[in-house]
Amino acid sequence: MRWVGWILLSLSFQVAYLVRLSAGVLRDVLTAEFALSASSFGLMSSMVFYSYMAMQIPVGILADTKGVRSTVGWEMMVAALGAVLFAAASSVPMLFLGRVLMGIGVAGVFVCTMRFLANQ
């Protein structure tokens, strides 16, 4: 069972990296479609990091009280919701909200991985 948890957390960690780096790949498409300036694109891409930073302590508390499995499960669902919202965005605020939700969703992967390893 320990290996299954390790594999799932490793895959979640890879998803977290993809979320953090995905905006750079889409820069040309997003700036053309939404007429984003360089500064607004930079702010939109950094929304993942702002929400990620804000959620570190709450996620640590959740990992300690609710457990790693449920915390990562719920957070990955929030990240998926953010990704769907980002992909279906028809306006700049929807882009921003999608990025914020993705940041909230991947915020706990590292913390929960460390908690999982500490319990082993």
PDB file of N, CA and C in Angstrom:
ATOM      1  N   MET A   1       0.827  -1.203   0.000  1.00  0.00           N
ATOM      2  CA  MET A   1       0.000   0.000   0.000  1.00  0.00           C
ATOM      3  C   MET A   1       0.863   1.254   0.000  1.00  0.00           C
ATOM      4  N   ARG A   2       2.029   1.161   0.612  1.00  0.00           N
ATOM      5  CA  ARG A   2       2.926   2.305   0.672  1.00  0.00           C
ATOM      6  C   ARG A   2       3.382   2.708  -0.727  1.00  0.00           C
ATOM      7  N   TRP A   3       3.628   1.711  -1.588  1.00  0.00           N
ATOM      8  CA  TRP A   3       4.080   2.021  -2.941  1.00  0.00           C
ATOM      9  C   TRP A   3       2.985   2.675  -3.765  1.00  0.00           C
ATOM     10  N   VAL A   4       1.759   2.274  -3.571  1.00  0.00           N
ATOM     11  CA  VAL A   4       0.641   2.899  -4.293  1.00  0.00           C
ATOM     12  C   VAL A   4       0.538   4.373  -3.916  1.00  0.00           C
ATOM     13  N   GLY A   5       0.636   4.665  -2.632  1.00  0.00           N
ATOM     14  CA  GLY A   5       0.609   6.058  -2.184  1.00  0.00           C
ATOM     15  C   GLY A   5       1.760   6.853  -2.752  1.00  0.00           C
ATOM     16  N   TRP A   6       2.938   6.258  -2.767  1.00  0.00           N
ATOM     17  CA  TRP A   6       4.116   6.939  -3.301  1.00  0.00           C
ATOM     18  C   TRP A   6       3.952   7.234  -4.793  1.00  0.00           C
ATOM     19  N   ILE A   7       3.439   6.277  -5.549  1.00  0.00           N
ATOM     20  CA  ILE A   7       3.240   6.477  -6.992  1.00  0.00           C
ATOM     21  C   ILE A   7       2.202   7.562  -7.242  1.00  0.00           C
ATOM     22  N   LEU A   8       1.089   7.531  -6.513  1.00  0.00           N
ATOM     23  CA  LEU A   8       0.051   8.547  -6.703  1.00  0.00           C
ATOM     24  C   LEU A   8       0.540   9.943  -6.321  1.00  0.00           C
ATOM     25  N   LEU A   9       1.298  10.043  -5.253  1.00  0.00           N
ATOM     26  CA  LEU A   9       1.849  11.347  -4.870  1.00  0.00           C
ATOM     27  C   LEU A   9       2.884  11.825  -5.884  1.00  0.00           C
ATOM     28  N   SER A  10       3.657  10.913  -6.450  1.00  0.00           N
ATOM     29  CA  SER A  10       4.624  11.296  -7.485  1.00  0.00           C
ATOM     30  C   SER A  10       3.919  11.820  -8.727  1.00  0.00           C
ATOM     31  N   LEU A  11       2.844  11.162  -9.125  1.00  0.00           N
ATOM     32  CA  LEU A  11       2.068  11.642 -10.276  1.00  0.00           C
ATOM     33  C   LEU A  11       1.430  12.998  -9.978  1.00  0.00           C
ATOM     34  N   SER A  12       0.938  13.176  -8.768  1.00  0.00           N
ATOM     35  CA  SER A  12       0.363  14.468  -8.382  1.00  0.00           C
ATOM     36  C   SER A  12       1.426  15.559  -8.400  1.00  0.00           C
ATOM     37  N   PHE A  13       2.631  15.217  -7.995  1.00  0.00           N
ATOM     38  CA  PHE A  13       3.734  16.178  -8.010  1.00  0.00           C
ATOM     39  C   PHE A  13       4.065  16.591  -9.443  1.00  0.00           C
ATOM     40  N   GLN A  14       4.008  15.645 -10.378  1.00  0.00           N
ATOM     41  CA  GLN A  14       4.240  15.972 -11.786  1.00  0.00           C
ATOM     42  C   GLN A  14       3.139  16.874 -12.327  1.00  0.00           C
ATOM     43  N   VAL A  15       1.907  16.618 -11.940  1.00  0.00           N
ATOM     44  CA  VAL A  15       0.799  17.485 -12.348  1.00  0.00           C
ATOM     45  C   VAL A  15       1.012  18.895 -11.810  1.00  0.00           C
ATOM     46  N   ALA A  16       1.480  19.000 -10.583  1.00  0.00           N
ATOM     47  CA  ALA A  16       1.736  20.315  -9.990  1.00  0.00           C
ATOM     48  C   ALA A  16       2.785  21.082 -10.792  1.00  0.00           C
ATOM     49  N   TYR A  17       3.822  20.411 -11.235  1.00  0.00           N
ATOM     50  CA  TYR A  17       4.832  21.078 -12.055  1.00  0.00           C
ATOM     51  C   TYR A  17       4.264  21.500 -13.402  1.00  0.00           C
ATOM     52  N   LEU A  18       3.447  20.660 -14.001  1.00  0.00           N
ATOM     53  CA  LEU A  18       2.829  21.031 -15.278  1.00  0.00           C
ATOM     54  C   LEU A  18       1.951  22.268 -15.127  1.00  0.00           C
ATOM     55  N   VAL A  19       1.207  22.333 -14.041  1.00  0.00           N
ATOM     56  CA  VAL A  19       0.336  23.487 -13.800  1.00  0.00           C
ATOM     57  C   VAL A  19       1.157  24.758 -13.652  1.00  0.00           C
ATOM     58  N   ARG A  20       2.256  24.658 -12.917  1.00  0.00           N
ATOM     59  CA  ARG A  20       3.084  25.843 -12.692  1.00  0.00           C
ATOM     60  C   ARG A  20       3.715  26.358 -13.975  1.00  0.00           C
ATOM     61  N   LEU A  21       4.073  25.471 -14.871  1.00  0.00           N
ATOM     62  CA  LEU A  21       4.812  25.873 -16.065  1.00  0.00           C
ATOM     63  C   LEU A  21       3.951  26.012 -17.315  1.00  0.00           C
ATOM     64  N   SER A  22       2.685  25.673 -17.247  1.00  0.00           N
ATOM     65  CA  SER A  22       1.854  25.615 -18.452  1.00  0.00           C
ATOM     66  C   SER A  22       1.588  26.967 -19.096  1.00  0.00           C
ATOM     67  N   ALA A  23       1.560  28.027 -18.338  1.00  0.00           N
ATOM     68  CA  ALA A  23       1.223  29.337 -18.911  1.00  0.00           C
ATOM     69  C   ALA A  23       2.279  29.801 -19.906  1.00  0.00           C
ATOM     70  N   GLY A  24       3.529  29.508 -19.656  1.00  0.00           N
ATOM     71  CA  GLY A  24       4.589  29.934 -20.564  1.00  0.00           C
ATOM     72  C   GLY A  24       4.458  29.327 -21.945  1.00  0.00           C
ATOM     73  N   VAL A  25       4.002  28.103 -22.016  1.00  0.00           N
ATOM     74  CA  VAL A  25       3.823  27.431 -23.298  1.00  0.00           C
ATOM     75  C   VAL A  25       2.677  28.059 -24.084  1.00  0.00           C
ATOM     76  N   LEU A  26       1.674  28.541 -23.380  1.00  0.00           N
ATOM     77  CA  LEU A  26       0.477  29.097 -24.018  1.00  0.00           C
ATOM     78  C   LEU A  26       0.543  30.607 -24.221  1.00  0.00           C
ATOM     79  N   ARG A  27       1.691  31.207 -23.988  1.00  0.00           N
ATOM     80  CA  ARG A  27       1.804  32.670 -24.014  1.00  0.00           C
ATOM     81  C   ARG A  27       1.329  33.281 -25.323  1.00  0.00           C
ATOM     82  N   ASP A  28       1.808  32.796 -26.441  1.00  0.00           N
ATOM     83  CA  ASP A  28       1.444  33.398 -27.728  1.00  0.00           C
ATOM     84  C   ASP A  28      -0.057  33.291 -28.005  1.00  0.00           C
ATOM     85  N   VAL A  29      -0.613  32.142 -27.733  1.00  0.00           N
ATOM     86  CA  VAL A  29      -2.045  31.926 -27.978  1.00  0.00           C
ATOM     87  C   VAL A  29      -2.890  32.808 -27.067  1.00  0.00           C
ATOM     88  N   LEU A  30      -2.553  32.842 -25.785  1.00  0.00           N
ATOM     89  CA  LEU A  30      -3.350  33.617 -24.828  1.00  0.00           C
ATOM     90  C   LEU A  30      -3.241  35.120 -25.071  1.00  0.00           C
ATOM     91  N   THR A  31      -2.045  35.608 -25.376  1.00  0.00           N
ATOM     92  CA  THR A  31      -1.902  37.049 -25.610  1.00  0.00           C
ATOM     93  C   THR A  31      -2.630  37.471 -26.876  1.00  0.00           C
ATOM     94  N   ALA A  32      -2.677  36.610 -27.868  1.00  0.00           N
ATOM     95  CA  ALA A  32      -3.402  36.950 -29.094  1.00  0.00           C
ATOM     96  C   ALA A  32      -4.913  36.870 -28.892  1.00  0.00           C
ATOM     97  N   GLU A  33      -5.381  35.816 -28.259  1.00  0.00           N
ATOM     98  CA  GLU A  33      -6.827  35.608 -28.123  1.00  0.00           C
ATOM     99  C   GLU A  33      -7.478  36.571 -27.143  1.00  0.00           C
ATOM    100  N   PHE A  34      -6.786  36.907 -26.060  1.00  0.00           N
ATOM    101  CA  PHE A  34      -7.371  37.766 -25.034  1.00  0.00           C
ATOM    102  C   PHE A  34      -6.776  39.164 -25.018  1.00  0.00           C
ATOM    103  N   ALA A  35      -5.915  39.478 -25.966  1.00  0.00           N
ATOM    104  CA  ALA A  35      -5.264  40.793 -26.071  1.00  0.00           C
ATOM    105  C   ALA A  35      -4.590  41.180 -24.754  1.00  0.00           C
ATOM    106  N   LEU A  36      -3.835  40.249 -24.208  1.00  0.00           N
ATOM    107  CA  LEU A  36      -3.147  40.483 -22.942  1.00  0.00           C
ATOM    108  C   LEU A  36      -1.832  41.219 -23.183  1.00  0.00           C
ATOM    109  N   SER A  37      -1.553  42.197 -22.349  1.00  0.00           N
ATOM    110  CA  SER A  37      -0.241  42.837 -22.384  1.00  0.00           C
ATOM    111  C   SER A  37       0.755  41.923 -21.670  1.00  0.00           C
ATOM    112  N   ALA A  38       2.023  42.258 -21.775  1.00  0.00           N
ATOM    113  CA  ALA A  38       3.042  41.438 -21.119  1.00  0.00           C
ATOM    114  C   ALA A  38       2.855  41.439 -19.604  1.00  0.00           C
ATOM    115  N   SER A  39       2.499  42.591 -19.046  1.00  0.00           N
ATOM    116  CA  SER A  39       2.322  42.655 -17.589  1.00  0.00           C
ATOM    117  C   SER A  39       1.078  41.896 -17.140  1.00  0.00           C
ATOM    118  N   SER A  40      -0.010  41.976 -17.896  1.00  0.00           N
ATOM    119  CA  SER A  40      -1.209  41.234 -17.497  1.00  0.00           C
ATOM    120  C   SER A  40      -1.010  39.731 -17.685  1.00  0.00           C
ATOM    121  N   PHE A  41      -0.249  39.347 -18.699  1.00  0.00           N
ATOM    122  CA  PHE A  41       0.064  37.923 -18.848  1.00  0.00           C
ATOM    123  C   PHE A  41       0.928  37.441 -17.684  1.00  0.00           C
ATOM    124  N   GLY A  42       1.905  38.246 -17.291  1.00  0.00           N
ATOM    125  CA  GLY A  42       2.752  37.884 -16.158  1.00  0.00           C
ATOM    126  C   GLY A  42       1.955  37.756 -14.872  1.00  0.00           C
ATOM    127  N   LEU A  43       1.015  38.671 -14.659  1.00  0.00           N
ATOM    128  CA  LEU A  43       0.167  38.598 -13.468  1.00  0.00           C
ATOM    129  C   LEU A  43      -0.717  37.355 -13.509  1.00  0.00           C
ATOM    130  N   MET A  44      -1.284  37.072 -14.685  1.00  0.00           N
ATOM    131  CA  MET A  44      -2.138  35.894 -14.829  1.00  0.00           C
ATOM    132  C   MET A  44      -1.345  34.622 -14.549  1.00  0.00           C
ATOM    133  N   SER A  45      -0.117  34.521 -15.076  1.00  0.00           N
ATOM    134  CA  SER A  45       0.665  33.313 -14.818  1.00  0.00           C
ATOM    135  C   SER A  45       1.110  33.203 -13.373  1.00  0.00           C
ATOM    136  N   SER A  46       1.321  34.334 -12.712  1.00  0.00           N
ATOM    137  CA  SER A  46       1.788  34.284 -11.325  1.00  0.00           C
ATOM    138  C   SER A  46       0.662  34.021 -10.330  1.00  0.00           C
ATOM    139  N   MET A  47      -0.583  34.048 -10.770  1.00  0.00           N
ATOM    140  CA  MET A  47      -1.693  33.784  -9.856  1.00  0.00           C
ATOM    141  C   MET A  47      -1.594  32.385  -9.240  1.00  0.00           C
ATOM    142  N   VAL A  48      -1.020  31.438  -9.979  1.00  0.00           N
ATOM    143  CA  VAL A  48      -0.810  30.099  -9.425  1.00  0.00           C
ATOM    144  C   VAL A  48       0.099  30.180  -8.206  1.00  0.00           C
ATOM    145  N   PHE A  49       1.154  30.959  -8.316  1.00  0.00           N
ATOM    146  CA  PHE A  49       2.131  31.033  -7.231  1.00  0.00           C
ATOM    147  C   PHE A  49       1.592  31.796  -6.025  1.00  0.00           C
ATOM    148  N   TYR A  50       0.799  32.835  -6.266  1.00  0.00           N
ATOM    149  CA  TYR A  50       0.209  33.581  -5.150  1.00  0.00           C
ATOM    150  C   TYR A  50      -0.752  32.705  -4.348  1.00  0.00           C
ATOM    151  N   SER A  51      -1.622  31.992  -5.061  1.00  0.00           N
ATOM    152  CA  SER A  51      -2.570  31.129  -4.348  1.00  0.00           C
ATOM    153  C   SER A  51      -1.851  29.929  -3.726  1.00  0.00           C
ATOM    154  N   TYR A  52      -0.833  29.429  -4.393  1.00  0.00           N
ATOM    155  CA  TYR A  52      -0.012  28.335  -3.854  1.00  0.00           C
ATOM    156  C   TYR A  52       0.608  28.755  -2.527  1.00  0.00           C
ATOM    157  N   MET A  53       1.170  29.969  -2.510  1.00  0.00           N
ATOM    158  CA  MET A  53       1.817  30.480  -1.304  1.00  0.00           C
ATOM    159  C   MET A  53       0.800  30.662  -0.172  1.00  0.00           C
ATOM    160  N   ALA A  54      -0.354  31.213  -0.492  1.00  0.00           N
ATOM    161  CA  ALA A  54      -1.361  31.491   0.530  1.00  0.00           C
ATOM    162  C   ALA A  54      -1.922  30.216   1.155  1.00  0.00           C
ATOM    163  N   MET A  55      -1.870  29.111   0.442  1.00  0.00           N
ATOM    164  CA  MET A  55      -2.478  27.872   0.927  1.00  0.00           C
ATOM    165  C   MET A  55      -1.524  26.948   1.678  1.00  0.00           C
ATOM    166  N   GLN A  56      -0.262  27.284   1.790  1.00  0.00           N
ATOM    167  CA  GLN A  56       0.701  26.366   2.398  1.00  0.00           C
ATOM    168  C   GLN A  56       0.356  26.009   3.849  1.00  0.00           C
ATOM    169  N   ILE A  57       0.080  26.985   4.666  1.00  0.00           N
ATOM    170  CA  ILE A  57      -0.234  26.701   6.074  1.00  0.00           C
ATOM    171  C   ILE A  57      -1.586  26.005   6.221  1.00  0.00           C
ATOM    172  N   PRO A  58      -2.654  26.487   5.555  1.00  0.00           N
ATOM    173  CA  PRO A  58      -3.923  25.751   5.672  1.00  0.00           C
ATOM    174  C   PRO A  58      -3.827  24.304   5.200  1.00  0.00           C
ATOM    175  N   VAL A  59      -3.059  24.059   4.151  1.00  0.00           N
ATOM    176  CA  VAL A  59      -2.924  22.692   3.651  1.00  0.00           C
ATOM    177  C   VAL A  59      -2.138  21.827   4.634  1.00  0.00           C
ATOM    178  N   GLY A  60      -1.149  22.401   5.277  1.00  0.00           N
ATOM    179  CA  GLY A  60      -0.422  21.652   6.300  1.00  0.00           C
ATOM    180  C   GLY A  60      -1.328  21.239   7.442  1.00  0.00           C
ATOM    181  N   ILE A  61      -2.199  22.143   7.844  1.00  0.00           N
ATOM    182  CA  ILE A  61      -3.158  21.819   8.907  1.00  0.00           C
ATOM    183  C   ILE A  61      -4.123  20.736   8.438  1.00  0.00           C
ATOM    184  N   LEU A  62      -4.598  20.849   7.192  1.00  0.00           N
ATOM    185  CA  LEU A  62      -5.494  19.822   6.649  1.00  0.00           C
ATOM    186  C   LEU A  62      -4.809  18.463   6.568  1.00  0.00           C
ATOM    187  N   ALA A  63      -3.560  18.452   6.133  1.00  0.00           N
ATOM    188  CA  ALA A  63      -2.832  17.182   6.027  1.00  0.00           C
ATOM    189  C   ALA A  63      -2.676  16.532   7.395  1.00  0.00           C
ATOM    190  N   ASP A  64      -2.477  17.340   8.424  1.00  0.00           N
ATOM    191  CA  ASP A  64      -2.331  16.794   9.775  1.00  0.00           C
ATOM    192  C   ASP A  64      -3.656  16.322  10.358  1.00  0.00           C
ATOM    193  N   THR A  65      -4.741  17.036  10.066  1.00  0.00           N
ATOM    194  CA  THR A  65      -6.025  16.695  10.689  1.00  0.00           C
ATOM    195  C   THR A  65      -6.857  15.722   9.858  1.00  0.00           C
ATOM    196  N   LYS A  66      -6.925  15.929   8.551  1.00  0.00           N
ATOM    197  CA  LYS A  66      -7.777  15.094   7.694  1.00  0.00           C
ATOM    198  C   LYS A  66      -7.031  13.941   7.035  1.00  0.00           C
ATOM    199  N   GLY A  67      -5.716  14.036   6.987  1.00  0.00           N
ATOM    200  CA  GLY A  67      -4.931  12.970   6.368  1.00  0.00           C
ATOM    201  C   GLY A  67      -4.483  13.332   4.962  1.00  0.00           C
ATOM    202  N   VAL A  68      -3.442  12.657   4.540  1.00  0.00           N
ATOM    203  CA  VAL A  68      -2.836  12.939   3.239  1.00  0.00           C
ATOM    204  C   VAL A  68      -3.766  12.552   2.099  1.00  0.00           C
ATOM    205  N   ARG A  69      -4.377  11.382   2.198  1.00  0.00           N
ATOM    206  CA  ARG A  69      -5.189  10.875   1.096  1.00  0.00           C
ATOM    207  C   ARG A  69      -6.358  11.800   0.766  1.00  0.00           C
ATOM    208  N   SER A  70      -7.112  12.192   1.757  1.00  0.00           N
ATOM    209  CA  SER A  70      -8.274  13.040   1.480  1.00  0.00           C
ATOM    210  C   SER A  70      -7.853  14.448   1.080  1.00  0.00           C
ATOM    211  N   THR A  71      -6.771  14.968   1.672  1.00  0.00           N
ATOM    212  CA  THR A  71      -6.322  16.315   1.326  1.00  0.00           C
ATOM    213  C   THR A  71      -5.877  16.382  -0.123  1.00  0.00           C
ATOM    214  N   VAL A  72      -5.042  15.442  -0.544  1.00  0.00           N
ATOM    215  CA  VAL A  72      -4.571  15.446  -1.934  1.00  0.00           C
ATOM    216  C   VAL A  72      -5.725  15.160  -2.889  1.00  0.00           C
ATOM    217  N   GLY A  73      -6.613  14.267  -2.516  1.00  0.00           N
ATOM    218  CA  GLY A  73      -7.758  13.965  -3.381  1.00  0.00           C
ATOM    219  C   GLY A  73      -8.620  15.184  -3.652  1.00  0.00           C
ATOM    220  N   TRP A  74      -8.976  15.904  -2.586  1.00  0.00           N
ATOM    221  CA  TRP A  74      -9.798  17.106  -2.763  1.00  0.00           C
ATOM    222  C   TRP A  74      -9.044  18.191  -3.519  1.00  0.00           C
ATOM    223  N   GLU A  75      -7.770  18.332  -3.225  1.00  0.00           N
ATOM    224  CA  GLU A  75      -7.002  19.377  -3.898  1.00  0.00           C
ATOM    225  C   GLU A  75      -6.834  19.092  -5.383  1.00  0.00           C
ATOM    226  N   MET A  76      -6.642  17.850  -5.753  1.00  0.00           N
ATOM    227  CA  MET A  76      -6.523  17.526  -7.176  1.00  0.00           C
ATOM    228  C   MET A  76      -7.841  17.794  -7.909  1.00  0.00           C
ATOM    229  N   MET A  77      -8.960  17.610  -7.214  1.00  0.00           N
ATOM    230  CA  MET A  77     -10.247  17.947  -7.835  1.00  0.00           C
ATOM    231  C   MET A  77     -10.377  19.454  -8.043  1.00  0.00           C
ATOM    232  N   VAL A  78      -9.901  20.238  -7.087  1.00  0.00           N
ATOM    233  CA  VAL A  78      -9.919  21.699  -7.244  1.00  0.00           C
ATOM    234  C   VAL A  78      -9.008  22.109  -8.394  1.00  0.00           C
ATOM    235  N   ALA A  79      -7.843  21.471  -8.507  1.00  0.00           N
ATOM    236  CA  ALA A  79      -6.927  21.772  -9.609  1.00  0.00           C
ATOM    237  C   ALA A  79      -7.554  21.406 -10.950  1.00  0.00           C
ATOM    238  N   ALA A  80      -8.253  20.287 -11.007  1.00  0.00           N
ATOM    239  CA  ALA A  80      -8.922  19.889 -12.247  1.00  0.00           C
ATOM    240  C   ALA A  80     -10.029  20.873 -12.609  1.00  0.00           C
ATOM    241  N   LEU A  81     -10.781  21.323 -11.612  1.00  0.00           N
ATOM    242  CA  LEU A  81     -11.814  22.328 -11.859  1.00  0.00           C
ATOM    243  C   LEU A  81     -11.192  23.611 -12.404  1.00  0.00           C
ATOM    244  N   GLY A  82     -10.078  24.027 -11.823  1.00  0.00           N
ATOM    245  CA  GLY A  82      -9.382  25.211 -12.308  1.00  0.00           C
ATOM    246  C   GLY A  82      -8.877  25.040 -13.723  1.00  0.00           C
ATOM    247  N   ALA A  83      -8.378  23.851 -14.052  1.00  0.00           N
ATOM    248  CA  ALA A  83      -7.885  23.595 -15.403  1.00  0.00           C
ATOM    249  C   ALA A  83      -9.016  23.633 -16.422  1.00  0.00           C
ATOM    250  N   VAL A  84     -10.164  23.074 -16.058  1.00  0.00           N
ATOM    251  CA  VAL A  84     -11.321  23.113 -16.960  1.00  0.00           C
ATOM    252  C   VAL A  84     -11.797  24.550 -17.147  1.00  0.00           C
ATOM    253  N   LEU A  85     -11.855  25.302 -16.062  1.00  0.00           N
ATOM    254  CA  LEU A  85     -12.264  26.704 -16.149  1.00  0.00           C
ATOM    255  C   LEU A  85     -11.283  27.507 -16.991  1.00  0.00           C
ATOM    256  N   PHE A  86      -9.998  27.268 -16.821  1.00  0.00           N
ATOM    257  CA  PHE A  86      -8.970  27.955 -17.598  1.00  0.00           C
ATOM    258  C   PHE A  86      -9.096  27.608 -19.079  1.00  0.00           C
ATOM    259  N   ALA A  87      -9.320  26.341 -19.383  1.00  0.00           N
ATOM    260  CA  ALA A  87      -9.431  25.915 -20.779  1.00  0.00           C
ATOM    261  C   ALA A  87     -10.691  26.455 -21.440  1.00  0.00           C
ATOM    262  N   ALA A  88     -11.764  26.613 -20.679  1.00  0.00           N
ATOM    263  CA  ALA A  88     -13.032  27.082 -21.237  1.00  0.00           C
ATOM    264  C   ALA A  88     -13.223  28.581 -21.080  1.00  0.00           C
ATOM    265  N   ALA A  89     -12.192  29.286 -20.639  1.00  0.00           N
ATOM    266  CA  ALA A  89     -12.324  30.717 -20.343  1.00  0.00           C
ATOM    267  C   ALA A  89     -12.699  31.509 -21.586  1.00  0.00           C
ATOM    268  N   SER A  90     -13.659  32.402 -21.392  1.00  0.00           N
ATOM    269  CA  SER A  90     -14.063  33.305 -22.470  1.00  0.00           C
ATOM    270  C   SER A  90     -13.740  34.748 -22.118  1.00  0.00           C
ATOM    271  N   SER A  91     -13.157  34.958 -20.952  1.00  0.00           N
ATOM    272  CA  SER A  91     -12.789  36.307 -20.531  1.00  0.00           C
ATOM    273  C   SER A  91     -11.527  36.241 -19.673  1.00  0.00           C
ATOM    274  N   VAL A  92     -10.903  37.389 -19.502  1.00  0.00           N
ATOM    275  CA  VAL A  92      -9.675  37.456 -18.702  1.00  0.00           C
ATOM    276  C   VAL A  92      -9.927  37.104 -17.233  1.00  0.00           C
ATOM    277  N   PRO A  93     -11.016  37.580 -16.598  1.00  0.00           N
ATOM    278  CA  PRO A  93     -11.250  37.158 -15.207  1.00  0.00           C
ATOM    279  C   PRO A  93     -11.397  35.644 -15.045  1.00  0.00           C
ATOM    280  N   MET A  94     -11.969  34.974 -16.039  1.00  0.00           N
ATOM    281  CA  MET A  94     -12.066  33.514 -15.966  1.00  0.00           C
ATOM    282  C   MET A  94     -10.684  32.870 -16.049  1.00  0.00           C
ATOM    283  N   LEU A  95      -9.796  33.448 -16.862  1.00  0.00           N
ATOM    284  CA  LEU A  95      -8.417  32.956 -16.910  1.00  0.00           C
ATOM    285  C   LEU A  95      -7.765  33.059 -15.538  1.00  0.00           C
ATOM    286  N   PHE A  96      -7.926  34.233 -14.920  1.00  0.00           N
ATOM    287  CA  PHE A  96      -7.336  34.467 -13.605  1.00  0.00           C
ATOM    288  C   PHE A  96      -7.917  33.503 -12.573  1.00  0.00           C
ATOM    289  N   LEU A  97      -9.223  33.336 -12.559  1.00  0.00           N
ATOM    290  CA  LEU A  97      -9.861  32.437 -11.597  1.00  0.00           C
ATOM    291  C   LEU A  97      -9.402  30.997 -11.804  1.00  0.00           C
ATOM    292  N   GLY A  98      -9.287  30.584 -13.057  1.00  0.00           N
ATOM    293  CA  GLY A  98      -8.792  29.237 -13.337  1.00  0.00           C
ATOM    294  C   GLY A  98      -7.392  29.025 -12.804  1.00  0.00           C
ATOM    295  N   ARG A  99      -6.526  30.013 -12.988  1.00  0.00           N
ATOM    296  CA  ARG A  99      -5.150  29.904 -12.483  1.00  0.00           C
ATOM    297  C   ARG A  99      -5.120  29.889 -10.949  1.00  0.00           C
ATOM    298  N   VAL A 100      -5.978  30.691 -10.314  1.00  0.00           N
ATOM    299  CA  VAL A 100      -6.039  30.692  -8.847  1.00  0.00           C
ATOM    300  C   VAL A 100      -6.481  29.319  -8.337  1.00  0.00           C
ATOM    301  N   LEU A 101      -7.506  28.753  -8.946  1.00  0.00           N
ATOM    302  CA  LEU A 101      -7.984  27.436  -8.512  1.00  0.00           C
ATOM    303  C   LEU A 101      -6.929  26.358  -8.740  1.00  0.00           C
ATOM    304  N   MET A 102      -6.193  26.463  -9.844  1.00  0.00           N
ATOM    305  CA  MET A 102      -5.123  25.490 -10.064  1.00  0.00           C
ATOM    306  C   MET A 102      -4.042  25.618  -8.998  1.00  0.00           C
ATOM    307  N   GLY A 103      -3.709  26.840  -8.615  1.00  0.00           N
ATOM    308  CA  GLY A 103      -2.715  27.040  -7.560  1.00  0.00           C
ATOM    309  C   GLY A 103      -3.174  26.495  -6.223  1.00  0.00           C
ATOM    310  N   ILE A 104      -4.450  26.722  -5.907  1.00  0.00           N
ATOM    311  CA  ILE A 104      -5.004  26.173  -4.664  1.00  0.00           C
ATOM    312  C   ILE A 104      -4.971  24.648  -4.710  1.00  0.00           C
ATOM    313  N   GLY A 105      -5.282  24.107  -5.875  1.00  0.00           N
ATOM    314  CA  GLY A 105      -5.344  22.653  -6.014  1.00  0.00           C
ATOM    315  C   GLY A 105      -4.014  21.943  -5.899  1.00  0.00           C
ATOM    316  N   VAL A 106      -2.949  22.562  -6.362  1.00  0.00           N
ATOM    317  CA  VAL A 106      -1.647  21.887  -6.305  1.00  0.00           C
ATOM    318  C   VAL A 106      -0.821  22.311  -5.096  1.00  0.00           C
ATOM    319  N   ALA A 107      -1.371  23.176  -4.258  1.00  0.00           N
ATOM    320  CA  ALA A 107      -0.612  23.717  -3.127  1.00  0.00           C
ATOM    321  C   ALA A 107      -0.203  22.652  -2.125  1.00  0.00           C
ATOM    322  N   GLY A 108      -0.998  21.644  -1.959  1.00  0.00           N
ATOM    323  CA  GLY A 108      -0.719  20.685  -0.906  1.00  0.00           C
ATOM    324  C   GLY A 108       0.087  19.476  -1.299  1.00  0.00           C
ATOM    325  N   VAL A 109       0.451  19.368  -2.557  1.00  0.00           N
ATOM    326  CA  VAL A 109       1.131  18.153  -2.994  1.00  0.00           C
ATOM    327  C   VAL A 109       2.470  17.976  -2.279  1.00  0.00           C
ATOM    328  N   PHE A 110       3.272  19.014  -2.237  1.00  0.00           N
ATOM    329  CA  PHE A 110       4.580  18.893  -1.591  1.00  0.00           C
ATOM    330  C   PHE A 110       4.430  18.660  -0.091  1.00  0.00           C
ATOM    331  N   VAL A 111       3.564  19.436   0.540  1.00  0.00           N
ATOM    332  CA  VAL A 111       3.357  19.298   1.985  1.00  0.00           C
ATOM    333  C   VAL A 111       2.844  17.898   2.317  1.00  0.00           C
ATOM    334  N   CYS A 112       1.885  17.428   1.548  1.00  0.00           N
ATOM    335  CA  CYS A 112       1.327  16.099   1.810  1.00  0.00           C
ATOM    336  C   CYS A 112       2.339  14.993   1.519  1.00  0.00           C
ATOM    337  N   THR A 113       3.195  15.196   0.535  1.00  0.00           N
ATOM    338  CA  THR A 113       4.243  14.211   0.264  1.00  0.00           C
ATOM    339  C   THR A 113       5.208  14.122   1.440  1.00  0.00           C
ATOM    340  N   MET A 114       5.576  15.263   1.986  1.00  0.00           N
ATOM    341  CA  MET A 114       6.463  15.253   3.153  1.00  0.00           C
ATOM    342  C   MET A 114       5.783  14.598   4.362  1.00  0.00           C
ATOM    343  N   ARG A 115       4.497  14.853   4.515  1.00  0.00           N
ATOM    344  CA  ARG A 115       3.743  14.228   5.611  1.00  0.00           C
ATOM    345  C   ARG A 115       3.663  12.713   5.411  1.00  0.00           C
ATOM    346  N   PHE A 116       3.440  12.293   4.180  1.00  0.00           N
ATOM    347  CA  PHE A 116       3.381  10.869   3.856  1.00  0.00           C
ATOM    348  C   PHE A 116       4.712  10.191   4.181  1.00  0.00           C
ATOM    349  N   LEU A 117       5.809  10.835   3.795  1.00  0.00           N
ATOM    350  CA  LEU A 117       7.127  10.264   4.071  1.00  0.00           C
ATOM    351  C   LEU A 117       7.427  10.231   5.566  1.00  0.00           C
ATOM    352  N   ALA A 118       6.970  11.240   6.291  1.00  0.00           N
ATOM    353  CA  ALA A 118       7.198  11.274   7.737  1.00  0.00           C
ATOM    354  C   ALA A 118       6.446  10.151   8.446  1.00  0.00           C
ATOM    355  N   ASN A 119       5.316   9.747   7.891  1.00  0.00           N
ATOM    356  CA  ASN A 119       4.521   8.682   8.504  1.00  0.00           C
ATOM    357  C   ASN A 119       5.059   7.291   8.196  1.00  0.00           C
ATOM    358  N   GLN A 120       5.950   7.181   7.233  1.00  0.00           N
ATOM    359  CA  GLN A 120       6.440   5.858   6.818  1.00  0.00           C
ATOM    360  C   GLN A 120       7.551   5.366   7.677  1.00  0.00           C
TER     361      GLN A 120
END
